[in-house]
Amino acid sequence: MKPVFGAEIPFADHCGIEEVGLVPGGTRLRMQVGPQHRNNLGIVHGGALCTLLDVAMGTAGRTHAGAPVMTLDMQVAFLAPGRGGTLIAEGRVVRGGRSILFCEAEIRDEAGELLAKSSGVFKAAKQEPGRNRTE
């Protein structure tokens, strides 16, 4: 399993989500679109986009909080269909308190077209020693 910003996230690994690097105030991820990401219309399934957005916001929240985070609420706007290639997502923390974080993310295709954006509320979780980390 390939860690994403230091955490093993089995579902992100299953979806082929990979870290690209840190950006000011957040994280950048990518997902190479394959047949498993498509719906019956041949475009990227909304669930795949939601997963990429959630992981982008969650990794930004985790790097900000220094602890795992859980999604409490998430809104998504689909703006254009994803047709293929590599999708790039950026997540950022808009405001972070001691336990609650407000985050945003967006996905663009290789041409830079905005495909989807989201906002979410995350809660920092208590970390059990040795769990969900790569040492």
C-alpha atoms as a PDB file:
ATOM      1  CA  MET A   1       0.000   0.000   0.000  1.00  0.00           C
ATOM      2  CA  LYS A   2       1.289   3.411  -0.961  1.00  0.00           C
ATOM      3  CA  PRO A   3       0.908   6.000   1.839  1.00  0.00           C
ATOM      4  CA  VAL A   4      -0.769   9.353   1.163  1.00  0.00           C
ATOM      5  CA  PHE A   5       0.992  12.076   3.144  1.00  0.00           C
ATOM      6  CA  GLY A   6       2.133   9.509   5.716  1.00  0.00           C
ATOM      7  CA  ALA A   7      -1.180   7.677   6.183  1.00  0.00           C
ATOM      8  CA  GLU A   8      -2.268   4.348   4.779  1.00  0.00           C
ATOM      9  CA  ILE A   9      -5.722   4.918   3.291  1.00  0.00           C
ATOM     10  CA  PRO A  10      -6.859   1.593   1.779  1.00  0.00           C
ATOM     11  CA  PHE A  11      -9.782   3.044  -0.215  1.00  0.00           C
ATOM     12  CA  ALA A  12      -7.638   5.839  -1.689  1.00  0.00           C
ATOM     13  CA  ASP A  13      -5.085   3.187  -2.685  1.00  0.00           C
ATOM     14  CA  HIS A  14      -7.875   1.092  -4.245  1.00  0.00           C
ATOM     15  CA  CYS A  15      -9.004   4.131  -6.279  1.00  0.00           C
ATOM     16  CA  GLY A  16      -5.464   4.880  -7.453  1.00  0.00           C
ATOM     17  CA  ILE A  17      -5.196   8.215  -5.644  1.00  0.00           C
ATOM     18  CA  GLU A  18      -1.589   9.347  -5.232  1.00  0.00           C
ATOM     19  CA  GLU A  19       0.033  12.274  -3.482  1.00  0.00           C
ATOM     20  CA  VAL A  20       1.727  14.868  -5.646  1.00  0.00           C
ATOM     21  CA  GLY A  21       2.933  17.214  -2.935  1.00  0.00           C
ATOM     22  CA  LEU A  22       2.124  20.005  -0.555  1.00  0.00           C
ATOM     23  CA  VAL A  23       0.843  23.347  -1.794  1.00  0.00           C
ATOM     24  CA  PRO A  24       0.494  26.519   0.293  1.00  0.00           C
ATOM     25  CA  GLY A  25      -2.140  25.712   2.905  1.00  0.00           C
ATOM     26  CA  GLY A  26      -2.956  22.275   1.527  1.00  0.00           C
ATOM     27  CA  THR A  27      -2.244  19.173  -0.490  1.00  0.00           C
ATOM     28  CA  ARG A  28      -2.209  18.129  -4.149  1.00  0.00           C
ATOM     29  CA  LEU A  29      -3.265  14.664  -5.327  1.00  0.00           C
ATOM     30  CA  ARG A  30      -3.729  12.917  -8.655  1.00  0.00           C
ATOM     31  CA  MET A  31      -5.805  10.079 -10.025  1.00  0.00           C
ATOM     32  CA  GLN A  32      -5.207   8.460 -13.391  1.00  0.00           C
ATOM     33  CA  VAL A  33      -8.651   7.726 -14.840  1.00  0.00           C
ATOM     34  CA  GLY A  34      -9.207   4.110 -15.810  1.00  0.00           C
ATOM     35  CA  PRO A  35     -12.256   2.108 -16.887  1.00  0.00           C
ATOM     36  CA  GLN A  36     -13.072   1.373 -13.228  1.00  0.00           C
ATOM     37  CA  HIS A  37     -13.630   5.112 -12.620  1.00  0.00           C
ATOM     38  CA  ARG A  38     -16.260   5.548 -15.358  1.00  0.00           C
ATOM     39  CA  ASN A  39     -20.046   5.444 -15.272  1.00  0.00           C
ATOM     40  CA  ASN A  40     -22.391   4.071 -17.953  1.00  0.00           C
ATOM     41  CA  LEU A  41     -22.024   7.305 -19.969  1.00  0.00           C
ATOM     42  CA  GLY A  42     -18.257   6.808 -20.221  1.00  0.00           C
ATOM     43  CA  ILE A  43     -17.402   9.818 -18.050  1.00  0.00           C
ATOM     44  CA  VAL A  44     -15.806   9.788 -14.608  1.00  0.00           C
ATOM     45  CA  HIS A  45     -18.309   8.556 -12.019  1.00  0.00           C
ATOM     46  CA  GLY A  46     -19.443  11.161  -9.478  1.00  0.00           C
ATOM     47  CA  GLY A  47     -18.477   8.792  -6.655  1.00  0.00           C
ATOM     48  CA  ALA A  48     -14.882   8.697  -7.891  1.00  0.00           C
ATOM     49  CA  LEU A  49     -14.807  12.496  -7.983  1.00  0.00           C
ATOM     50  CA  CYS A  50     -16.332  12.695  -4.482  1.00  0.00           C
ATOM     51  CA  THR A  51     -13.711  10.295  -3.168  1.00  0.00           C
ATOM     52  CA  LEU A  52     -10.886  12.336  -4.676  1.00  0.00           C
ATOM     53  CA  LEU A  53     -12.335  15.549  -3.217  1.00  0.00           C
ATOM     54  CA  ASP A  54     -12.822  13.957   0.216  1.00  0.00           C
ATOM     55  CA  VAL A  55      -9.261  12.622   0.307  1.00  0.00           C
ATOM     56  CA  ALA A  56      -7.913  16.015  -0.827  1.00  0.00           C
ATOM     57  CA  MET A  57      -9.751  17.852   1.963  1.00  0.00           C
ATOM     58  CA  GLY A  58      -8.971  15.133   4.498  1.00  0.00           C
ATOM     59  CA  THR A  59      -5.240  15.108   3.791  1.00  0.00           C
ATOM     60  CA  ALA A  60      -5.147  18.907   4.001  1.00  0.00           C
ATOM     61  CA  GLY A  61      -7.001  18.705   7.304  1.00  0.00           C
ATOM     62  CA  ARG A  62      -4.703  15.989   8.639  1.00  0.00           C
ATOM     63  CA  THR A  63      -1.536  17.886   7.734  1.00  0.00           C
ATOM     64  CA  HIS A  64      -2.980  20.985   9.411  1.00  0.00           C
ATOM     65  CA  ALA A  65      -4.203  19.200  12.561  1.00  0.00           C
ATOM     66  CA  GLY A  66      -1.285  16.793  12.866  1.00  0.00           C
ATOM     67  CA  ALA A  67      -3.806  13.995  13.468  1.00  0.00           C
ATOM     68  CA  PRO A  68      -6.263  11.910  11.461  1.00  0.00           C
ATOM     69  CA  VAL A  69      -9.543  13.604  10.611  1.00  0.00           C
ATOM     70  CA  MET A  70     -13.078  12.370   9.960  1.00  0.00           C
ATOM     71  CA  THR A  71     -15.531  13.893   7.498  1.00  0.00           C
ATOM     72  CA  LEU A  72     -18.577  15.353   9.262  1.00  0.00           C
ATOM     73  CA  ASP A  73     -20.187  17.096   6.293  1.00  0.00           C
ATOM     74  CA  MET A  74     -19.391  17.512   2.606  1.00  0.00           C
ATOM     75  CA  GLN A  75     -21.012  19.396  -0.279  1.00  0.00           C
ATOM     76  CA  VAL A  76     -20.022  18.844  -3.910  1.00  0.00           C
ATOM     77  CA  ALA A  77     -20.685  20.787  -7.092  1.00  0.00           C
ATOM     78  CA  PHE A  78     -20.080  18.957 -10.398  1.00  0.00           C
ATOM     79  CA  LEU A  79     -19.169  21.578 -12.993  1.00  0.00           C
ATOM     80  CA  ALA A  80     -17.977  19.619 -16.041  1.00  0.00           C
ATOM     81  CA  PRO A  81     -17.648  15.961 -17.002  1.00  0.00           C
ATOM     82  CA  GLY A  82     -14.315  14.240 -16.509  1.00  0.00           C
ATOM     83  CA  ARG A  83     -13.399  12.439 -19.700  1.00  0.00           C
ATOM     84  CA  GLY A  84     -10.103  10.763 -18.853  1.00  0.00           C
ATOM     85  CA  GLY A  85      -6.417  11.301 -18.388  1.00  0.00           C
ATOM     86  CA  THR A  86      -5.006  12.477 -15.087  1.00  0.00           C
ATOM     87  CA  LEU A  87      -7.166  14.412 -12.648  1.00  0.00           C
ATOM     88  CA  ILE A  88      -5.492  16.774 -10.189  1.00  0.00           C
ATOM     89  CA  ALA A  89      -7.123  17.665  -6.872  1.00  0.00           C
ATOM     90  CA  GLU A  90      -6.062  20.331  -4.405  1.00  0.00           C
ATOM     91  CA  GLY A  91      -7.379  20.448  -0.871  1.00  0.00           C
ATOM     92  CA  ARG A  92      -6.911  23.254   1.636  1.00  0.00           C
ATOM     93  CA  VAL A  93      -7.967  24.227   5.123  1.00  0.00           C
ATOM     94  CA  VAL A  94     -10.038  27.413   5.091  1.00  0.00           C
ATOM     95  CA  ARG A  95     -10.237  27.637   8.875  1.00  0.00           C
ATOM     96  CA  GLY A  96      -8.995  25.276  11.516  1.00  0.00           C
ATOM     97  CA  GLY A  97      -9.732  25.187  15.212  1.00  0.00           C
ATOM     98  CA  ARG A  98      -8.597  22.732  17.892  1.00  0.00           C
ATOM     99  CA  SER A  99     -10.939  19.978  16.759  1.00  0.00           C
ATOM    100  CA  ILE A 100     -13.077  21.231  13.834  1.00  0.00           C
ATOM    101  CA  LEU A 101     -11.668  22.165  10.423  1.00  0.00           C
ATOM    102  CA  PHE A 102     -13.393  23.785   7.449  1.00  0.00           C
ATOM    103  CA  CYS A 103     -11.884  22.664   4.148  1.00  0.00           C
ATOM    104  CA  GLU A 104     -12.294  23.111   0.400  1.00  0.00           C
ATOM    105  CA  ALA A 105     -11.078  21.155  -2.606  1.00  0.00           C
ATOM    106  CA  GLU A 106     -11.281  21.250  -6.370  1.00  0.00           C
ATOM    107  CA  ILE A 107     -10.501  18.877  -9.229  1.00  0.00           C
ATOM    108  CA  ARG A 108      -9.102  19.935 -12.589  1.00  0.00           C
ATOM    109  CA  ASP A 109      -8.321  17.907 -15.675  1.00  0.00           C
ATOM    110  CA  GLU A 110      -5.003  17.974 -17.560  1.00  0.00           C
ATOM    111  CA  ALA A 111      -6.134  21.037 -19.536  1.00  0.00           C
ATOM    112  CA  GLY A 112      -6.876  22.906 -16.302  1.00  0.00           C
ATOM    113  CA  GLU A 113     -10.678  22.776 -16.633  1.00  0.00           C
ATOM    114  CA  LEU A 114     -12.469  22.849 -13.290  1.00  0.00           C
ATOM    115  CA  LEU A 115     -14.532  19.647 -13.037  1.00  0.00           C
ATOM    116  CA  ALA A 116     -15.774  19.674  -9.444  1.00  0.00           C
ATOM    117  CA  LYS A 117     -15.375  21.532  -6.195  1.00  0.00           C
ATOM    118  CA  SER A 118     -16.339  20.806  -2.614  1.00  0.00           C
ATOM    119  CA  SER A 119     -16.445  22.149   0.883  1.00  0.00           C
ATOM    120  CA  GLY A 120     -16.441  20.087   4.025  1.00  0.00           C
ATOM    121  CA  VAL A 121     -16.302  20.034   7.793  1.00  0.00           C
ATOM    122  CA  PHE A 122     -13.810  17.675   9.424  1.00  0.00           C
ATOM    123  CA  LYS A 123     -13.145  16.635  13.007  1.00  0.00           C
ATOM    124  CA  ALA A 124      -9.721  15.738  14.328  1.00  0.00           C
ATOM    125  CA  ALA A 125      -9.722  12.184  15.672  1.00  0.00           C
ATOM    126  CA  LYS A 126      -7.753  10.791  18.563  1.00  0.00           C
ATOM    127  CA  GLN A 127      -4.869   8.709  17.257  1.00  0.00           C
ATOM    128  CA  GLU A 128      -4.293   5.229  18.608  1.00  0.00           C
ATOM    129  CA  PRO A 129      -0.567   4.496  18.870  1.00  0.00           C
ATOM    130  CA  GLY A 130       0.725   2.766  15.731  1.00  0.00           C
ATOM    131  CA  ARG A 131      -2.605   2.886  13.863  1.00  0.00           C
ATOM    132  CA  ASN A 132      -3.040   4.331  10.319  1.00  0.00           C
ATOM    133  CA  ARG A 133       0.522   5.539  10.068  1.00  0.00           C
ATOM    134  CA  THR A 134       3.568   4.451   8.218  1.00  0.00           C
ATOM    135  CA  GLU A 135       6.605   4.523  10.418  1.00  0.00           C
END
